Protein backbone atom coordinates (compact mmCIF):
# COMPACT_ATOMS: atom_id res chain seq x y z
CA UNK A 1 -9.57 -17.23 -35.06
CA UNK A 2 -5.93 -18.22 -34.75
CA UNK A 3 -4.12 -18.90 -37.99
CA UNK A 4 -3.39 -22.59 -38.51
CA UNK A 5 0.30 -21.89 -38.97
CA UNK A 6 0.69 -19.29 -36.22
CA UNK A 7 3.50 -20.19 -33.84
CA UNK A 8 2.99 -19.94 -30.12
CA UNK A 9 4.55 -16.95 -28.44
CA UNK A 10 3.86 -17.38 -24.71
CA UNK A 11 2.56 -19.74 -22.06
CA UNK A 12 0.80 -18.10 -19.11
CA UNK A 13 0.33 -19.92 -15.83
CA UNK A 14 -1.98 -19.47 -12.89
CA UNK A 15 0.18 -19.45 -9.75
CA UNK A 16 -1.33 -21.42 -6.85
CA UNK A 17 -2.08 -24.99 -7.81
CA UNK A 18 -0.67 -24.66 -11.32
CA UNK A 19 2.89 -23.33 -11.30
CA UNK A 20 3.58 -23.73 -7.59
CA UNK A 21 2.31 -25.92 -4.77
CA UNK A 22 1.55 -23.27 -2.15
CA UNK A 23 -1.17 -25.16 -0.28
CA UNK A 24 1.03 -25.98 2.75
CA UNK A 25 1.86 -22.31 3.39
CA UNK A 26 -1.73 -21.22 2.77
CA UNK A 27 -3.00 -23.78 5.26
CA UNK A 28 -0.79 -22.65 8.14
CA UNK A 29 -2.74 -19.45 8.95
CA UNK A 30 -6.00 -21.41 9.08
CA UNK A 31 -4.46 -24.02 11.37
CA UNK A 32 -3.09 -21.34 13.70
CA UNK A 33 -6.30 -19.29 13.69
CA UNK A 34 -8.38 -22.35 14.55
CA UNK A 35 -5.97 -23.32 17.32
CA UNK A 36 -6.12 -19.81 18.81
CA UNK A 37 -9.92 -20.09 18.88
CA UNK A 38 -9.93 -23.50 20.54
CA UNK A 39 -11.23 -25.26 17.43
CA UNK A 40 -10.27 -28.79 16.48
CA UNK A 41 -7.57 -29.14 13.81
CA UNK A 42 -8.29 -29.65 10.12
CA UNK A 43 -6.02 -31.67 7.87
CA UNK A 44 -4.15 -30.10 4.97
CA UNK A 45 -6.15 -32.44 2.72
CA UNK A 46 -9.41 -30.92 3.97
CA UNK A 47 -8.20 -27.41 3.09
CA UNK A 48 -6.41 -28.17 -0.17
CA UNK A 49 -9.45 -28.16 -2.53
CA UNK A 50 -10.36 -24.67 -1.29
CA UNK A 51 -6.93 -23.19 -1.93
CA UNK A 52 -7.72 -22.13 -5.50
CA UNK A 53 -10.38 -19.80 -4.04
CA UNK A 54 -7.73 -17.99 -1.97
CA UNK A 55 -8.58 -16.43 1.39
CA UNK A 56 -12.30 -16.55 0.57
CA UNK A 57 -12.31 -20.33 0.12
CA UNK A 58 -9.99 -21.12 3.00
CA UNK A 59 -12.01 -19.00 5.44
CA UNK A 60 -15.19 -20.68 4.24
CA UNK A 61 -13.72 -24.13 4.87
CA UNK A 62 -11.90 -23.17 8.05
CA UNK A 63 -14.69 -21.24 9.76
CA UNK A 64 -17.88 -21.67 7.75
CA UNK A 65 -17.85 -17.94 7.10
CA UNK A 66 -18.52 -16.62 3.61
CA UNK A 67 -17.84 -13.28 1.99
CA UNK A 68 -20.50 -10.83 3.11
CA UNK A 69 -20.86 -12.34 6.57
CA UNK A 70 -20.23 -9.96 9.45
CA UNK A 71 -17.03 -11.68 10.62
CA UNK A 72 -15.54 -12.26 7.16
CA UNK A 73 -13.47 -9.08 6.82
CA UNK A 74 -11.78 -9.53 10.18
CA UNK A 75 -10.94 -13.16 9.47
CA UNK A 76 -9.63 -12.28 6.01
CA UNK A 77 -7.41 -9.50 7.34
CA UNK A 78 -5.98 -11.78 10.03
CA UNK A 79 -5.43 -14.56 7.50
CA UNK A 80 -3.61 -12.27 5.07
CA UNK A 81 -1.44 -10.78 7.82
CA UNK A 82 -0.36 -14.23 8.99
CA UNK A 83 0.19 -15.49 5.44
CA UNK A 84 2.20 -12.46 4.38
CA UNK A 85 4.62 -13.10 7.26
CA UNK A 86 5.56 -16.58 5.92
CA UNK A 87 4.58 -17.02 2.27
CA UNK A 88 7.47 -19.13 0.99
CA UNK A 89 8.37 -21.58 3.74
CA UNK A 90 7.12 -24.71 1.97
CA UNK A 91 5.96 -23.28 -1.39
CA UNK A 92 7.82 -24.81 -4.34
CA UNK A 93 7.41 -25.43 -8.04
CA UNK A 94 5.36 -28.56 -8.63
CA UNK A 95 7.56 -31.60 -9.36
CA UNK A 96 8.49 -31.58 -13.04
CA UNK A 97 7.60 -27.91 -13.55
CA UNK A 98 11.24 -26.81 -13.78
CA UNK A 99 11.71 -29.16 -16.74
CA UNK A 100 8.56 -27.75 -18.34
CA UNK A 101 9.86 -24.20 -18.00
CA UNK A 102 13.20 -25.23 -19.48
CA UNK A 103 11.35 -26.84 -22.40
CA UNK A 104 9.35 -23.67 -22.99
CA UNK A 105 12.47 -21.50 -22.85
CA UNK A 106 14.51 -23.81 -25.08
CA UNK A 107 11.87 -23.41 -27.77
CA UNK A 108 12.15 -19.63 -27.66
CA UNK A 109 8.78 -19.07 -25.99
CA UNK A 110 7.98 -16.63 -23.23
CA UNK A 111 6.18 -17.59 -20.04
CA UNK A 112 4.68 -15.73 -17.14
CA UNK A 113 2.15 -15.75 -14.33
CA UNK A 114 -1.39 -14.41 -14.27
CA UNK A 115 -2.93 -14.97 -10.84
CA UNK A 116 -5.85 -13.61 -8.84
CA UNK A 117 -3.51 -13.26 -5.85
CA UNK A 118 -2.40 -9.73 -4.96
CA UNK A 119 0.37 -8.72 -7.34
CA UNK A 120 2.77 -7.92 -4.48
CA UNK A 121 2.35 -11.49 -3.20
CA UNK A 122 2.87 -12.98 -6.65
CA UNK A 123 6.04 -10.96 -7.18
CA UNK A 124 7.38 -11.92 -3.75
CA UNK A 125 6.85 -15.63 -4.39
CA UNK A 126 8.31 -15.57 -7.90
CA UNK A 127 11.33 -13.67 -6.62
CA UNK A 128 11.80 -16.00 -3.62
CA UNK A 129 11.85 -18.95 -6.04
CA UNK A 130 14.51 -17.20 -8.17
CA UNK A 131 12.24 -17.03 -11.21
CA UNK A 132 11.87 -13.28 -11.72
CA UNK A 133 14.53 -12.95 -14.40
CA UNK A 134 12.92 -15.76 -16.41
CA UNK A 135 9.32 -14.59 -16.07
CA UNK A 136 8.18 -12.25 -18.85
CA UNK A 137 5.08 -10.95 -17.05
CA UNK A 138 3.97 -11.12 -13.42
CA UNK A 139 0.31 -10.20 -13.07
CA UNK A 140 -1.90 -10.28 -9.98
CA UNK A 141 -5.59 -10.03 -9.38
CA UNK A 142 -5.27 -6.33 -8.60
CA UNK A 143 -2.99 -5.44 -11.52
CA UNK A 144 -6.11 -4.32 -13.37
CA UNK A 145 -9.53 -3.67 -11.82
CA UNK A 146 -10.91 -6.88 -13.36
CA UNK A 147 -9.58 -10.24 -12.03
CA UNK A 148 -10.35 -13.61 -13.58
CA UNK A 149 -12.66 -14.86 -15.02
CA UNK A 150 -12.48 -11.51 -16.81
CA UNK A 151 -9.68 -11.73 -19.40
CA UNK A 152 -8.30 -8.23 -18.63
CA UNK A 153 -5.20 -9.47 -16.80
CA UNK A 154 -4.39 -11.95 -19.55
CA UNK A 155 -4.58 -9.13 -22.08
CA UNK A 156 -2.34 -7.10 -19.76
CA UNK A 157 0.27 -9.88 -19.69
CA UNK A 158 0.19 -10.06 -23.48
CA UNK A 159 0.72 -6.31 -23.63
CA UNK A 160 3.79 -6.57 -21.41
CA UNK A 161 5.16 -9.38 -23.57
CA UNK A 162 4.17 -7.92 -26.93
CA UNK A 163 2.32 -11.17 -27.62
CA UNK A 164 -0.84 -11.89 -29.59
CA UNK A 165 -3.40 -13.53 -27.24
CA UNK A 166 -4.38 -15.87 -30.08
CA UNK A 167 -0.83 -17.20 -30.02
CA UNK A 168 -0.78 -17.90 -26.28
CA UNK A 169 -1.82 -20.74 -23.98
CA UNK A 170 -3.20 -20.29 -20.47
CA UNK A 171 -2.79 -23.08 -17.91
CA UNK A 172 -4.87 -23.13 -14.73
CA UNK A 173 -6.43 -25.32 -12.06
CA UNK A 174 -9.75 -23.50 -11.73
CA UNK A 175 -12.77 -23.14 -14.01
CA UNK A 176 -12.40 -19.36 -14.02
CA UNK A 177 -8.88 -19.78 -15.45
CA UNK A 178 -10.31 -21.64 -18.41
CA UNK A 179 -13.12 -19.11 -18.78
CA UNK A 180 -10.64 -16.23 -18.74
CA UNK A 181 -8.32 -17.89 -21.25
CA UNK A 182 -11.17 -18.70 -23.59
CA UNK A 183 -12.50 -15.12 -23.36
CA UNK A 184 -9.02 -13.85 -24.26
CA UNK A 185 -8.94 -16.03 -27.38
CA UNK A 186 -6.21 -18.28 -26.02
CA UNK A 187 -5.95 -22.04 -25.99
CA UNK A 188 -6.43 -23.37 -22.48
CA UNK A 189 -5.09 -26.29 -20.46
CA UNK A 190 -6.69 -27.54 -17.23
CA UNK A 191 -4.17 -28.57 -14.57
CA UNK A 192 -5.95 -31.51 -12.95
CA UNK A 193 -3.03 -32.03 -10.56
CA UNK A 194 -3.85 -28.69 -8.89
CA UNK A 195 -6.39 -27.72 -6.26
CA UNK A 196 -9.43 -27.71 -8.58
CA UNK A 197 -12.11 -27.62 -5.87
CA UNK A 198 -14.73 -30.32 -5.39
CA UNK A 199 -17.52 -29.16 -7.68
CA UNK A 200 -17.29 -29.41 -11.49
CA UNK A 201 -14.37 -31.71 -12.44
CA UNK A 202 -11.60 -30.31 -14.70
CA UNK A 203 -12.67 -32.66 -17.50
CA UNK A 204 -15.94 -30.71 -17.70
CA UNK A 205 -14.40 -27.24 -17.93
CA UNK A 206 -14.15 -27.25 -21.71
CA UNK A 207 -10.39 -26.68 -21.84
CA UNK A 208 -8.43 -27.52 -24.98
CA UNK A 209 -6.14 -29.77 -22.95
CA UNK A 210 -6.20 -31.67 -19.66
CA UNK A 211 -3.00 -32.66 -17.85
CA UNK A 212 -2.56 -34.87 -14.79
CA UNK A 213 1.07 -33.83 -14.17
CA UNK A 214 3.14 -30.79 -15.11
CA UNK A 215 5.35 -32.86 -17.41
CA UNK A 216 2.33 -33.71 -19.55
CA UNK A 217 2.21 -30.04 -20.54
CA UNK A 218 5.41 -30.44 -22.53
CA UNK A 219 3.84 -33.34 -24.42
CA UNK A 220 0.65 -31.36 -25.05
CA UNK A 221 2.63 -28.34 -26.27
CA UNK A 222 4.81 -30.34 -28.69
CA UNK A 223 2.50 -30.09 -31.73
CA UNK A 224 1.72 -26.48 -30.89
CA UNK A 225 5.43 -25.59 -30.89
CA UNK A 226 6.33 -27.60 -34.00
């Protein structure tokens, strides 16, 4: 268990739907692929809840094709090729997140990203947003062989930072983020402003904290930092 007087060392963020709003750029390949196939358009709002599942979720919503189906691999490869060509057109930090990062940094804490997205994509996005020099660890789903909900990549981030997992917080917008953080021995915060899906609500994930906006994270962290 974490010592009652142990100071926090690092805050780790999921990327899509937690640190950055990437849904508009992730939706574009689905829109274009449906158009090329003569399918009726879907709204961004229809795709947004599936964004936290990555290509798998977006292909399921866009085409009704699930992983393991015969056409899935081809659709996934086309989706990734289109997405990789234009990953940071509309993607930005969520409103208020810059102030949260400044608050974390001003209190001498480290922060970084642990995502299930390919590491090369995560690094590209973080660099395009001019955050690389501020980010202590950049970890993708393929950084180790075991993506979330396995805690391996959170342990990897802690190794890069020289941080004790018991003195870290993980923030995410998906149940598997909370499961991974809990398995790593970290405190967890559910980002209800993110993509979150349409199944179990964030309030039922068992996280230590629940925030409706990024700025609420600073408030939640205040007693942890003190």
